[in-house]
Amino acid sequence: MTDSGGQTTNPVVAKLRSWSANAIEEVIEYRGDTTIVVPRKVLRSIAEQCRDTEELKFNLLTDATALDRYPLEPRFELNYQLVSIPLKQKLRIRVKLSVSDPVVAVNGNVAPELVSVPMRSIAPPMLLNVPSPLAGTLPPT
């Protein structure tokens, strides 16, 4: 189910929309998981709201992934999986990026894992020819 700005019953989405009605471009609910699609310019603010708002308490970044949707545009997606341990909730924040400017800037103070890096720096180490703990366990590129 996708919601592009209408009413939603999800309390996390409702709280974030009460903070800023335009901060969420799309809501995707699938099998009990909630994904919010946000513009790049509000990623930091949304992450801070998720961390600092008493009703949300998202205090753990469990995963940060990148997706290349070639040949679609915007070509890239960054997905941040947040968990609120005290409230036992999960939230995925998605940002879509064009091929012409595939960079997201987020200060590491929000979460040490969310640092300002170019999209290609998020690629798996084997694609960047960087030593990895998995070296030797994957086929060469």
C-alpha atoms as a PDB file:
ATOM      1  CA  MET A   1       0.000   0.000   0.000  1.00  0.00           C
ATOM      2  CA  THR A   2       1.299   3.414  -0.916  1.00  0.00           C
ATOM      3  CA  ASP A   3       0.146   6.739   0.488  1.00  0.00           C
ATOM      4  CA  SER A   4       1.266   9.900  -1.275  1.00  0.00           C
ATOM      5  CA  GLY A   5       0.183  12.452   1.270  1.00  0.00           C
ATOM      6  CA  GLY A   6      -3.280  11.369   2.335  1.00  0.00           C
ATOM      7  CA  GLN A   7      -4.377  10.360   5.783  1.00  0.00           C
ATOM      8  CA  THR A   8      -2.543   7.541   7.508  1.00  0.00           C
ATOM      9  CA  THR A   9      -3.120   5.651  10.707  1.00  0.00           C
ATOM     10  CA  ASN A  10       0.580   4.998  11.346  1.00  0.00           C
ATOM     11  CA  PRO A  11       1.460   6.973  14.517  1.00  0.00           C
ATOM     12  CA  VAL A  12       5.106   7.501  13.463  1.00  0.00           C
ATOM     13  CA  VAL A  13       4.081   8.981  10.120  1.00  0.00           C
ATOM     14  CA  ALA A  14       1.375  11.076  11.789  1.00  0.00           C
ATOM     15  CA  LYS A  15       3.912  12.480  14.281  1.00  0.00           C
ATOM     16  CA  LEU A  16       6.435  13.322  11.549  1.00  0.00           C
ATOM     17  CA  ARG A  17       3.728  14.945   9.415  1.00  0.00           C
ATOM     18  CA  SER A  18       2.607  17.019  12.399  1.00  0.00           C
ATOM     19  CA  TRP A  19       6.173  18.320  12.614  1.00  0.00           C
ATOM     20  CA  SER A  20       6.298  19.118   8.870  1.00  0.00           C
ATOM     21  CA  ALA A  21       3.450  18.330   6.503  1.00  0.00           C
ATOM     22  CA  ASN A  22       5.709  18.422   3.415  1.00  0.00           C
ATOM     23  CA  ALA A  23       8.634  16.426   4.801  1.00  0.00           C
ATOM     24  CA  ILE A  24       7.252  13.077   3.631  1.00  0.00           C
ATOM     25  CA  GLU A  25       6.736  12.572  -0.097  1.00  0.00           C
ATOM     26  CA  GLU A  26       5.382   9.034   0.101  1.00  0.00           C
ATOM     27  CA  VAL A  27       4.511   6.357   2.660  1.00  0.00           C
ATOM     28  CA  ILE A  28       4.836   2.689   1.788  1.00  0.00           C
ATOM     29  CA  GLU A  29       3.314   0.117   4.138  1.00  0.00           C
ATOM     30  CA  TYR A  30       4.181  -3.477   3.299  1.00  0.00           C
ATOM     31  CA  ARG A  31       3.888  -6.519   5.539  1.00  0.00           C
ATOM     32  CA  GLY A  32       3.999  -4.467   8.694  1.00  0.00           C
ATOM     33  CA  ASP A  33       7.033  -2.401   7.638  1.00  0.00           C
ATOM     34  CA  THR A  34       6.782   1.336   7.088  1.00  0.00           C
ATOM     35  CA  THR A  35       8.939   3.182   4.578  1.00  0.00           C
ATOM     36  CA  ILE A  36       8.841   6.951   4.232  1.00  0.00           C
ATOM     37  CA  VAL A  37      10.279   8.621   1.148  1.00  0.00           C
ATOM     38  CA  VAL A  38      11.718  12.033   1.955  1.00  0.00           C
ATOM     39  CA  PRO A  39      13.421  14.757  -0.071  1.00  0.00           C
ATOM     40  CA  ARG A  40      17.196  14.901   0.297  1.00  0.00           C
ATOM     41  CA  LYS A  41      17.067  18.367   1.874  1.00  0.00           C
ATOM     42  CA  VAL A  42      15.051  17.139   4.890  1.00  0.00           C
ATOM     43  CA  LEU A  43      16.862  13.846   5.549  1.00  0.00           C
ATOM     44  CA  ARG A  44      18.894  15.266   8.433  1.00  0.00           C
ATOM     45  CA  SER A  45      15.864  16.980   9.987  1.00  0.00           C
ATOM     46  CA  ILE A  46      13.733  13.837   9.709  1.00  0.00           C
ATOM     47  CA  ALA A  47      16.524  11.734  11.252  1.00  0.00           C
ATOM     48  CA  GLU A  48      16.836  14.220  14.124  1.00  0.00           C
ATOM     49  CA  GLN A  49      13.074  14.192  14.685  1.00  0.00           C
ATOM     50  CA  CYS A  50      13.074  10.393  14.736  1.00  0.00           C
ATOM     51  CA  ARG A  51      15.907  10.372  17.273  1.00  0.00           C
ATOM     52  CA  ASP A  52      14.896  13.301  19.503  1.00  0.00           C
ATOM     53  CA  THR A  53      11.095  13.218  19.595  1.00  0.00           C
ATOM     54  CA  GLU A  54       9.962  11.606  22.843  1.00  0.00           C
ATOM     55  CA  GLU A  55       7.099   9.724  21.171  1.00  0.00           C
ATOM     56  CA  LEU A  56       9.424   8.179  18.536  1.00  0.00           C
ATOM     57  CA  LYS A  57      12.808   7.423  20.195  1.00  0.00           C
ATOM     58  CA  PHE A  58      14.479   5.868  17.145  1.00  0.00           C
ATOM     59  CA  ASN A  59      17.832   5.254  18.778  1.00  0.00           C
ATOM     60  CA  LEU A  60      19.458   2.662  16.512  1.00  0.00           C
ATOM     61  CA  LEU A  61      20.472   2.720  12.864  1.00  0.00           C
ATOM     62  CA  THR A  62      20.556  -0.962  11.924  1.00  0.00           C
ATOM     63  CA  ASP A  63      21.189  -0.699   8.203  1.00  0.00           C
ATOM     64  CA  ALA A  64      22.112   1.763   5.481  1.00  0.00           C
ATOM     65  CA  THR A  65      21.827   0.482   1.929  1.00  0.00           C
ATOM     66  CA  ALA A  66      22.026   1.861  -1.586  1.00  0.00           C
ATOM     67  CA  LEU A  67      20.061   0.738  -4.616  1.00  0.00           C
ATOM     68  CA  ASP A  68      20.851   1.402  -8.264  1.00  0.00           C
ATOM     69  CA  ARG A  69      17.555   1.408 -10.164  1.00  0.00           C
ATOM     70  CA  TYR A  70      19.085   1.717 -13.655  1.00  0.00           C
ATOM     71  CA  PRO A  71      17.590   2.672 -16.129  1.00  0.00           C
ATOM     72  CA  LEU A  72      15.008   4.525 -14.009  1.00  0.00           C
ATOM     73  CA  GLU A  73      15.479   8.103 -12.873  1.00  0.00           C
ATOM     74  CA  PRO A  74      15.961   9.045 -10.097  1.00  0.00           C
ATOM     75  CA  ARG A  75      18.455   6.266 -10.456  1.00  0.00           C
ATOM     76  CA  PHE A  76      19.644   5.792  -6.872  1.00  0.00           C
ATOM     77  CA  GLU A  77      17.937   5.176  -3.541  1.00  0.00           C
ATOM     78  CA  LEU A  78      19.453   5.328  -0.085  1.00  0.00           C
ATOM     79  CA  ASN A  79      17.590   3.412   2.599  1.00  0.00           C
ATOM     80  CA  TYR A  80      18.156   3.903   6.318  1.00  0.00           C
ATOM     81  CA  GLN A  81      16.588   1.324   8.653  1.00  0.00           C
ATOM     82  CA  LEU A  82      15.911   2.822  12.089  1.00  0.00           C
ATOM     83  CA  VAL A  83      14.766   0.998  15.212  1.00  0.00           C
ATOM     84  CA  SER A  84      13.213   2.362  18.378  1.00  0.00           C
ATOM     85  CA  ILE A  85      14.367  -0.137  20.978  1.00  0.00           C
ATOM     86  CA  PRO A  86      12.225   1.313  23.813  1.00  0.00           C
ATOM     87  CA  LEU A  87       9.068   1.373  21.659  1.00  0.00           C
ATOM     88  CA  LYS A  88       9.842  -1.747  19.572  1.00  0.00           C
ATOM     89  CA  GLN A  89       9.202   0.000  16.256  1.00  0.00           C
ATOM     90  CA  LYS A  90      10.983   0.016  12.898  1.00  0.00           C
ATOM     91  CA  LEU A  91      11.088   2.700  10.229  1.00  0.00           C
ATOM     92  CA  ARG A  92      12.825   2.844   6.881  1.00  0.00           C
ATOM     93  CA  ILE A  93      13.732   6.269   5.528  1.00  0.00           C
ATOM     94  CA  ARG A  94      14.292   6.379   1.770  1.00  0.00           C
ATOM     95  CA  VAL A  95      15.915   9.147  -0.247  1.00  0.00           C
ATOM     96  CA  LYS A  96      15.912   9.117  -4.040  1.00  0.00           C
ATOM     97  CA  LEU A  97      18.910  10.620  -5.868  1.00  0.00           C
ATOM     98  CA  SER A  98      19.502  11.495  -9.489  1.00  0.00           C
ATOM     99  CA  VAL A  99      22.528  10.322 -11.422  1.00  0.00           C
ATOM    100  CA  SER A 100      23.633  13.941 -11.906  1.00  0.00           C
ATOM    101  CA  ASP A 101      24.052  14.565  -8.156  1.00  0.00           C
ATOM    102  CA  PRO A 102      24.131  11.309  -6.167  1.00  0.00           C
ATOM    103  CA  VAL A 103      25.303  12.789  -2.864  1.00  0.00           C
ATOM    104  CA  VAL A 104      23.583  13.108   0.500  1.00  0.00           C
ATOM    105  CA  ALA A 105      25.022  15.286   3.242  1.00  0.00           C
ATOM    106  CA  VAL A 106      24.098  14.286   6.768  1.00  0.00           C
ATOM    107  CA  ASN A 107      26.109  15.292   9.804  1.00  0.00           C
ATOM    108  CA  GLY A 108      27.521  12.345  11.752  1.00  0.00           C
ATOM    109  CA  ASN A 109      25.995  13.776  14.959  1.00  0.00           C
ATOM    110  CA  VAL A 110      22.609  12.333  13.984  1.00  0.00           C
ATOM    111  CA  ALA A 111      24.088   8.840  13.795  1.00  0.00           C
ATOM    112  CA  PRO A 112      27.777   8.089  13.272  1.00  0.00           C
ATOM    113  CA  GLU A 113      26.811   5.925  10.305  1.00  0.00           C
ATOM    114  CA  LEU A 114      25.092   8.819   8.486  1.00  0.00           C
ATOM    115  CA  VAL A 115      28.095  10.746   7.281  1.00  0.00           C
ATOM    116  CA  SER A 116      28.388  13.002   4.248  1.00  0.00           C
ATOM    117  CA  VAL A 117      29.726  10.704   1.535  1.00  0.00           C
ATOM    118  CA  PRO A 118      29.331  10.422  -2.226  1.00  0.00           C
ATOM    119  CA  MET A 119      26.984   7.666  -3.348  1.00  0.00           C
ATOM    120  CA  ARG A 120      29.812   5.610  -4.863  1.00  0.00           C
ATOM    121  CA  SER A 121      31.488   5.479  -1.431  1.00  0.00           C
ATOM    122  CA  ILE A 122      28.522   3.515  -0.126  1.00  0.00           C
ATOM    123  CA  ALA A 123      29.066   0.732  -2.686  1.00  0.00           C
ATOM    124  CA  PRO A 124      30.226  -2.615  -1.294  1.00  0.00           C
ATOM    125  CA  PRO A 125      34.010  -2.694  -0.758  1.00  0.00           C
ATOM    126  CA  MET A 126      34.530  -5.346  -3.441  1.00  0.00           C
ATOM    127  CA  LEU A 127      33.184  -2.906  -6.040  1.00  0.00           C
ATOM    128  CA  LEU A 128      35.639  -0.240  -4.942  1.00  0.00           C
ATOM    129  CA  ASN A 129      38.704  -2.510  -4.792  1.00  0.00           C
ATOM    130  CA  VAL A 130      39.016  -1.743  -1.086  1.00  0.00           C
ATOM    131  CA  PRO A 131      40.138  -4.494   1.304  1.00  0.00           C
ATOM    132  CA  SER A 132      37.183  -6.034   3.061  1.00  0.00           C
ATOM    133  CA  PRO A 133      36.618  -8.636   5.772  1.00  0.00           C
ATOM    134  CA  LEU A 134      34.875 -10.591   3.002  1.00  0.00           C
ATOM    135  CA  ALA A 135      37.953 -10.527   0.759  1.00  0.00           C
ATOM    136  CA  GLY A 136      38.566 -13.938  -0.703  1.00  0.00           C
ATOM    137  CA  THR A 137      35.038 -15.153   0.004  1.00  0.00           C
ATOM    138  CA  LEU A 138      33.421 -13.449  -2.998  1.00  0.00           C
ATOM    139  CA  PRO A 139      34.161 -13.880  -6.698  1.00  0.00           C
ATOM    140  CA  PRO A 140      36.559 -11.254  -8.114  1.00  0.00           C
ATOM    141  CA  THR A 141      35.042  -8.240  -9.830  1.00  0.00           C
END
